[in-house]
C-alpha atoms as a PDB file:
ATOM      1  CA  MET A   1      56.511 206.778 360.812  1.00  0.00           C
ATOM      2  CA  GLU A   2      56.618 208.604 364.312  1.00  0.00           C
ATOM      3  CA  LYS A   3      58.904 211.472 362.917  1.00  0.00           C
ATOM      4  CA  ASN A   4      56.643 212.221 360.071  1.00  0.00           C
ATOM      5  CA  SER A   5      53.222 211.949 361.988  1.00  0.00           C
ATOM      6  CA  SER A   6      51.770 214.719 364.013  1.00  0.00           C
ATOM      7  CA  VAL A   7      49.911 211.985 366.087  1.00  0.00           C
ATOM      8  CA  LEU A   8      50.960 209.269 367.845  1.00  0.00           C
ATOM      9  CA  THR A   9      51.379 206.313 365.821  1.00  0.00           C
ATOM     10  CA  ASP A  10      50.067 203.059 366.538  1.00  0.00           C
ATOM     11  CA  ILE A  11      52.996 200.568 368.126  1.00  0.00           C
ATOM     12  CA  PRO A  12      52.765 197.150 369.926  1.00  0.00           C
ATOM     13  CA  THR A  13      51.994 197.262 373.383  1.00  0.00           C
ATOM     14  CA  ASP A  14      55.257 195.348 374.135  1.00  0.00           C
ATOM     15  CA  PHE A  15      57.494 197.824 371.637  1.00  0.00           C
ATOM     16  CA  TYR A  16      59.785 198.742 374.492  1.00  0.00           C
ATOM     17  CA  GLU A  17      60.202 195.712 376.144  1.00  0.00           C
ATOM     18  CA  SER A  18      60.749 193.978 372.810  1.00  0.00           C
ATOM     19  CA  LEU A  19      63.479 196.670 371.863  1.00  0.00           C
ATOM     20  CA  SER A  20      65.176 196.135 375.160  1.00  0.00           C
ATOM     21  CA  GLU A  21      65.250 192.232 374.638  1.00  0.00           C
ATOM     22  CA  PHE A  22      66.526 192.637 371.077  1.00  0.00           C
ATOM     23  CA  ILE A  23      69.455 194.992 372.236  1.00  0.00           C
ATOM     24  CA  GLU A  24      70.285 192.435 374.918  1.00  0.00           C
ATOM     25  CA  GLU A  25      70.437 189.646 372.281  1.00  0.00           C
ATOM     26  CA  LEU A  26      72.690 191.689 370.387  1.00  0.00           C
ATOM     27  CA  ASN A  27      75.010 192.100 373.702  1.00  0.00           C
ATOM     28  CA  ILE A  28      75.254 188.613 374.249  1.00  0.00           C
ATOM     29  CA  ARG A  29      75.949 187.945 370.655  1.00  0.00           C
ATOM     30  CA  TYR A  30      78.651 190.491 370.910  1.00  0.00           C
ATOM     31  CA  GLY A  31      80.109 188.746 374.014  1.00  0.00           C
ATOM     32  CA  LYS A  32      80.037 185.591 372.131  1.00  0.00           C
ATOM     33  CA  GLU A  33      81.906 186.704 368.825  1.00  0.00           C
ATOM     34  CA  SER A  34      85.342 186.028 368.380  1.00  0.00           C
ATOM     35  CA  SER A  35      85.933 188.193 365.121  1.00  0.00           C
ATOM     36  CA  ASP A  36      86.992 191.820 365.868  1.00  0.00           C
ATOM     37  CA  GLN A  37      85.258 192.752 362.524  1.00  0.00           C
ATOM     38  CA  LYS A  38      81.695 191.141 363.454  1.00  0.00           C
ATOM     39  CA  LYS A  39      81.936 192.774 366.932  1.00  0.00           C
ATOM     40  CA  THR A  40      82.389 196.083 365.311  1.00  0.00           C
ATOM     41  CA  LEU A  41      79.517 195.367 363.068  1.00  0.00           C
ATOM     42  CA  ILE A  42      77.286 194.161 366.089  1.00  0.00           C
ATOM     43  CA  ASN A  43      78.316 197.434 368.229  1.00  0.00           C
ATOM     44  CA  ASP A  44      77.333 199.667 365.429  1.00  0.00           C
ATOM     45  CA  GLU A  45      73.987 198.099 365.032  1.00  0.00           C
ATOM     46  CA  MET A  46      73.422 198.603 368.904  1.00  0.00           C
ATOM     47  CA  GLN A  47      74.481 201.943 368.650  1.00  0.00           C
ATOM     48  CA  ASN A  48      72.074 202.889 365.814  1.00  0.00           C
ATOM     49  CA  ILE A  49      69.252 201.331 367.318  1.00  0.00           C
ATOM     50  CA  LYS A  50      69.447 202.867 370.526  1.00  0.00           C
ATOM     51  CA  LYS A  51      69.605 206.172 368.751  1.00  0.00           C
ATOM     52  CA  ILE A  52      66.668 205.107 366.945  1.00  0.00           C
ATOM     53  CA  ALA A  53      64.885 203.982 370.020  1.00  0.00           C
ATOM     54  CA  ASP A  54      65.889 207.357 371.905  1.00  0.00           C
ATOM     55  CA  ASN A  55      64.546 209.344 368.804  1.00  0.00           C
ATOM     56  CA  ILE A  56      60.985 207.301 368.761  1.00  0.00           C
ATOM     57  CA  TYR A  57      60.804 207.892 372.407  1.00  0.00           C
ATOM     58  CA  GLU A  58      61.635 211.474 372.383  1.00  0.00           C
ATOM     59  CA  GLN A  59      59.236 212.071 369.610  1.00  0.00           C
ATOM     60  CA  ARG A  60      56.375 210.287 371.286  1.00  0.00           C
ATOM     61  CA  GLU A  61      57.152 211.945 374.643  1.00  0.00           C
ATOM     62  CA  LYS A  62      56.829 215.417 372.524  1.00  0.00           C
ATOM     63  CA  LYS A  63      53.564 214.413 371.421  1.00  0.00           C
ATOM     64  CA  ILE A  64      52.312 213.179 374.892  1.00  0.00           C
ATOM     65  CA  LEU A  65      53.192 216.798 376.421  1.00  0.00           C
ATOM     66  CA  LEU A  66      51.399 218.506 373.695  1.00  0.00           C
ATOM     67  CA  LEU A  67      48.314 216.123 374.155  1.00  0.00           C
ATOM     68  CA  ALA A  68      48.412 217.077 377.731  1.00  0.00           C
ATOM     69  CA  ILE A  69      48.724 220.898 377.144  1.00  0.00           C
ATOM     70  CA  SER A  70      45.731 220.743 374.761  1.00  0.00           C
ATOM     71  CA  SER A  71      43.691 218.681 377.134  1.00  0.00           C
ATOM     72  CA  ILE A  72      44.212 221.081 379.856  1.00  0.00           C
ATOM     73  CA  ARG A  73      43.321 223.829 377.684  1.00  0.00           C
ATOM     74  CA  GLY A  74      39.732 222.269 377.092  1.00  0.00           C
ATOM     75  CA  GLY A  75      40.798 220.217 373.780  1.00  0.00           C
ATOM     76  CA  ASN A  76      39.702 216.483 373.368  1.00  0.00           C
ATOM     77  CA  PRO A  77      42.817 214.834 372.144  1.00  0.00           C
ATOM     78  CA  ASP A  78      42.925 211.398 370.920  1.00  0.00           C
ATOM     79  CA  LEU A  79      44.682 209.365 373.257  1.00  0.00           C
ATOM     80  CA  LYS A  80      44.184 205.722 371.735  1.00  0.00           C
ATOM     81  CA  ASN A  81      47.700 205.078 370.633  1.00  0.00           C
ATOM     82  CA  MET A  82      49.264 205.380 373.856  1.00  0.00           C
ATOM     83  CA  ILE A  83      50.682 202.454 375.601  1.00  0.00           C
ATOM     84  CA  SER A  84      50.416 201.927 379.611  1.00  0.00           C
ATOM     85  CA  PHE A  85      53.261 203.752 380.713  1.00  0.00           C
ATOM     86  CA  GLU A  86      52.732 206.645 378.231  1.00  0.00           C
ATOM     87  CA  LYS A  87      49.189 206.998 379.661  1.00  0.00           C
ATOM     88  CA  ASP A  88      50.938 206.951 383.048  1.00  0.00           C
ATOM     89  CA  LEU A  89      53.183 210.054 381.590  1.00  0.00           C
ATOM     90  CA  PHE A  90      50.203 211.773 380.089  1.00  0.00           C
ATOM     91  CA  ASP A  91      48.286 211.397 383.412  1.00  0.00           C
ATOM     92  CA  SER A  92      51.088 212.485 385.658  1.00  0.00           C
ATOM     93  CA  VAL A  93      51.902 215.488 383.627  1.00  0.00           C
ATOM     94  CA  TYR A  94      47.873 216.517 383.190  1.00  0.00           C
ATOM     95  CA  GLN A  95      47.381 216.245 387.072  1.00  0.00           C
ATOM     96  CA  LYS A  96      50.924 218.155 387.610  1.00  0.00           C
ATOM     97  CA  MET A  97      49.533 220.945 385.196  1.00  0.00           C
ATOM     98  CA  ILE A  98      46.146 221.143 386.868  1.00  0.00           C
ATOM     99  CA  ASP A  99      47.721 221.576 390.464  1.00  0.00           C
ATOM    100  CA  SER A 100      50.205 224.019 389.172  1.00  0.00           C
ATOM    101  CA  ARG A 101      47.559 226.239 387.662  1.00  0.00           C
ATOM    102  CA  GLU A 102      45.251 225.916 390.939  1.00  0.00           C
ATOM    103  CA  LYS A 103      48.123 226.880 393.117  1.00  0.00           C
ATOM    104  CA  ILE A 104      49.143 229.868 390.557  1.00  0.00           C
ATOM    105  CA  ILE A 105      45.708 231.164 390.198  1.00  0.00           C
ATOM    106  CA  LYS A 106      45.025 230.584 393.921  1.00  0.00           C
ATOM    107  CA  LYS A 107      47.902 232.342 394.860  1.00  0.00           C
ATOM    108  CA  ASN A 108      47.201 235.206 392.338  1.00  0.00           C
ATOM    109  CA  LYS A 109      43.855 235.562 393.709  1.00  0.00           C
ATOM    110  CA  THR A 110      45.204 235.568 397.400  1.00  0.00           C
ATOM    111  CA  GLU A 111      47.813 238.208 396.366  1.00  0.00           C
ATOM    112  CA  HIS A 112      45.189 240.276 395.054  1.00  0.00           C
ATOM    113  CA  LYS A 113      43.130 239.860 398.046  1.00  0.00           C
ATOM    114  CA  LYS A 114      45.985 240.920 400.184  1.00  0.00           C
ATOM    115  CA  GLU A 115      46.572 243.898 397.785  1.00  0.00           C
ATOM    116  CA  ASP A 116      43.045 245.089 398.136  1.00  0.00           C
ATOM    117  CA  SER A 117      43.240 244.576 401.974  1.00  0.00           C
ATOM    118  CA  LYS A 118      46.181 246.249 402.125  1.00  0.00           C
ATOM    119  CA  LEU A 119      44.779 249.317 400.316  1.00  0.00           C
ATOM    120  CA  THR A 120      41.866 249.441 402.508  1.00  0.00           C
ATOM    121  CA  GLU A 121      43.857 249.099 405.693  1.00  0.00           C
ATOM    122  CA  GLU A 122      46.467 251.714 404.579  1.00  0.00           C
ATOM    123  CA  GLY A 123      44.043 254.281 403.377  1.00  0.00           C
ATOM    124  CA  LYS A 124      42.271 253.556 399.855  1.00  0.00           C
ATOM    125  CA  THR A 125      43.549 255.438 396.787  1.00  0.00           C
ATOM    126  CA  THR A 126      45.252 258.756 396.614  1.00  0.00           C
ATOM    127  CA  GLN A 127      42.180 260.296 395.410  1.00  0.00           C
ATOM    128  CA  THR A 128      40.296 259.052 398.570  1.00  0.00           C
ATOM    129  CA  LYS A 129      43.420 260.202 400.754  1.00  0.00           C
ATOM    130  CA  LYS A 130      42.990 263.615 399.047  1.00  0.00           C
ATOM    131  CA  GLU A 131      39.174 263.730 399.712  1.00  0.00           C
ATOM    132  CA  GLU A 132      39.469 262.664 403.360  1.00  0.00           C
ATOM    133  CA  SER A 133      42.228 265.247 404.077  1.00  0.00           C
ATOM    134  CA  LYS A 134      40.089 267.931 402.760  1.00  0.00           C
ATOM    135  CA  LYS A 135      37.472 266.938 405.017  1.00  0.00           C
ATOM    136  CA  THR A 136      39.350 266.230 408.198  1.00  0.00           C
ATOM    137  CA  ASP A 137      41.683 269.215 407.574  1.00  0.00           C
ATOM    138  CA  SER A 138      39.392 271.832 407.899  1.00  0.00           C
ATOM    139  CA  ILE A 139      39.622 275.535 409.181  1.00  0.00           C
ATOM    140  CA  ILE A 140      36.864 277.876 410.311  1.00  0.00           C
ATOM    141  CA  ALA A 141      37.304 281.485 408.722  1.00  0.00           C
ATOM    142  CA  ARG A 142      35.746 284.818 408.634  1.00  0.00           C
ATOM    143  CA  VAL A 143      35.886 286.497 405.220  1.00  0.00           C
ATOM    144  CA  THR A 144      37.406 290.210 405.205  1.00  0.00           C
ATOM    145  CA  LYS A 145      36.563 291.400 401.873  1.00  0.00           C
ATOM    146  CA  GLU A 146      34.033 290.766 399.185  1.00  0.00           C
ATOM    147  CA  ILE A 147      35.213 288.109 396.880  1.00  0.00           C
ATOM    148  CA  PRO A 148      33.818 287.433 393.235  1.00  0.00           C
ATOM    149  CA  GLU A 149      32.233 284.080 392.743  1.00  0.00           C
ATOM    150  CA  PHE A 150      34.918 281.574 392.323  1.00  0.00           C
ATOM    151  CA  ILE A 151      35.133 277.648 392.165  1.00  0.00           C
ATOM    152  CA  GLY A 152      37.378 276.107 395.166  1.00  0.00           C
ATOM    153  CA  THR A 153      39.557 273.339 395.052  1.00  0.00           C
ATOM    154  CA  ASP A 154      36.769 271.137 396.216  1.00  0.00           C
ATOM    155  CA  GLU A 155      35.152 272.115 392.671  1.00  0.00           C
ATOM    156  CA  LYS A 156      32.409 273.882 394.632  1.00  0.00           C
ATOM    157  CA  ARG A 157      31.065 277.512 393.623  1.00  0.00           C
ATOM    158  CA  TYR A 158      31.758 280.127 396.287  1.00  0.00           C
ATOM    159  CA  ASN A 159      29.847 283.531 396.399  1.00  0.00           C
ATOM    160  CA  LEU A 160      31.521 285.242 399.688  1.00  0.00           C
ATOM    161  CA  ARG A 161      30.525 288.241 401.273  1.00  0.00           C
ATOM    162  CA  LYS A 162      32.363 290.281 404.031  1.00  0.00           C
ATOM    163  CA  ASN A 163      31.833 288.937 407.333  1.00  0.00           C
ATOM    164  CA  ASP A 164      30.668 285.481 406.391  1.00  0.00           C
ATOM    165  CA  VAL A 165      32.091 282.958 408.633  1.00  0.00           C
ATOM    166  CA  LEU A 166      32.501 279.312 406.984  1.00  0.00           C
ATOM    167  CA  SER A 167      34.236 276.184 407.196  1.00  0.00           C
ATOM    168  CA  LEU A 168      37.040 275.519 404.493  1.00  0.00           C
ATOM    169  CA  SER A 169      39.517 272.937 403.520  1.00  0.00           C
ATOM    170  CA  GLU A 170      42.990 273.973 404.759  1.00  0.00           C
ATOM    171  CA  ASP A 171      44.402 274.086 401.367  1.00  0.00           C
ATOM    172  CA  MET A 172      41.749 276.475 400.154  1.00  0.00           C
ATOM    173  CA  GLY A 173      41.825 278.219 403.489  1.00  0.00           C
ATOM    174  CA  LYS A 174      45.814 278.883 402.847  1.00  0.00           C
ATOM    175  CA  THR A 175      45.364 280.160 399.442  1.00  0.00           C
ATOM    176  CA  LEU A 176      42.502 282.637 400.494  1.00  0.00           C
ATOM    177  CA  GLU A 177      44.791 283.813 403.715  1.00  0.00           C
ATOM    178  CA  LYS A 178      47.472 284.431 401.161  1.00  0.00           C
ATOM    179  CA  ARG A 179      45.472 286.692 398.940  1.00  0.00           C
ATOM    180  CA  GLY A 180      44.405 288.667 402.455  1.00  0.00           C
ATOM    181  CA  VAL A 181      40.735 287.748 401.849  1.00  0.00           C
ATOM    182  CA  ILE A 182      39.710 285.603 405.167  1.00  0.00           C
ATOM    183  CA  ASP A 183      41.253 285.413 408.739  1.00  0.00           C
ATOM    184  CA  LYS A 184      41.264 281.971 410.467  1.00  0.00           C
ATOM    185  CA  VAL A 185      39.068 281.709 413.467  1.00  0.00           C
ATOM    186  CA  ASP A 186      39.666 278.070 414.687  1.00  0.00           C
ATOM    187  CA  TYR A 187      40.707 274.649 413.632  1.00  0.00           C
ATOM    188  CA  LEU A 188      38.125 271.785 413.393  1.00  0.00           C
ATOM    189  CA  PRO A 189      39.337 268.432 414.843  1.00  0.00           C
END
């Protein structure tokens, strides 16, 4: 029944104790038996019963683990057919899963906070670094030639006339200087 059912079947609360007692009785009978043929039969019966017992336990164990998973994920599984030690197994697995989830989630949250903090300490994003670089690495320049209107690297429109003095980002200043339309006057700290 246990093998063919997806839920825990109803077993007596003393099922495993009775099974152990039965195997022990067979062991005693085996020791008292003088016939080799009967000893072989008793030994085969003990081995078969142990295999069946292991199979029943493994089937129930698997179902208990699935019930714990279902419960941790918000399900409301039916626990009525568990015997006491199976309930203990369920409770310990369930608690271990809760502890593990909390530890992993807290660790991930802590790692995200550390990464965010590290980003802030090291300098925000690449884009922010570029923007700050443009702001801090500026030059003062004097326009030496009339320049038609253009859009600078800072995405602003410029309409520069000869002898205008202005502050430019260093990269835009270098470009205009290469074209021979400005002269650097001084650097701003």
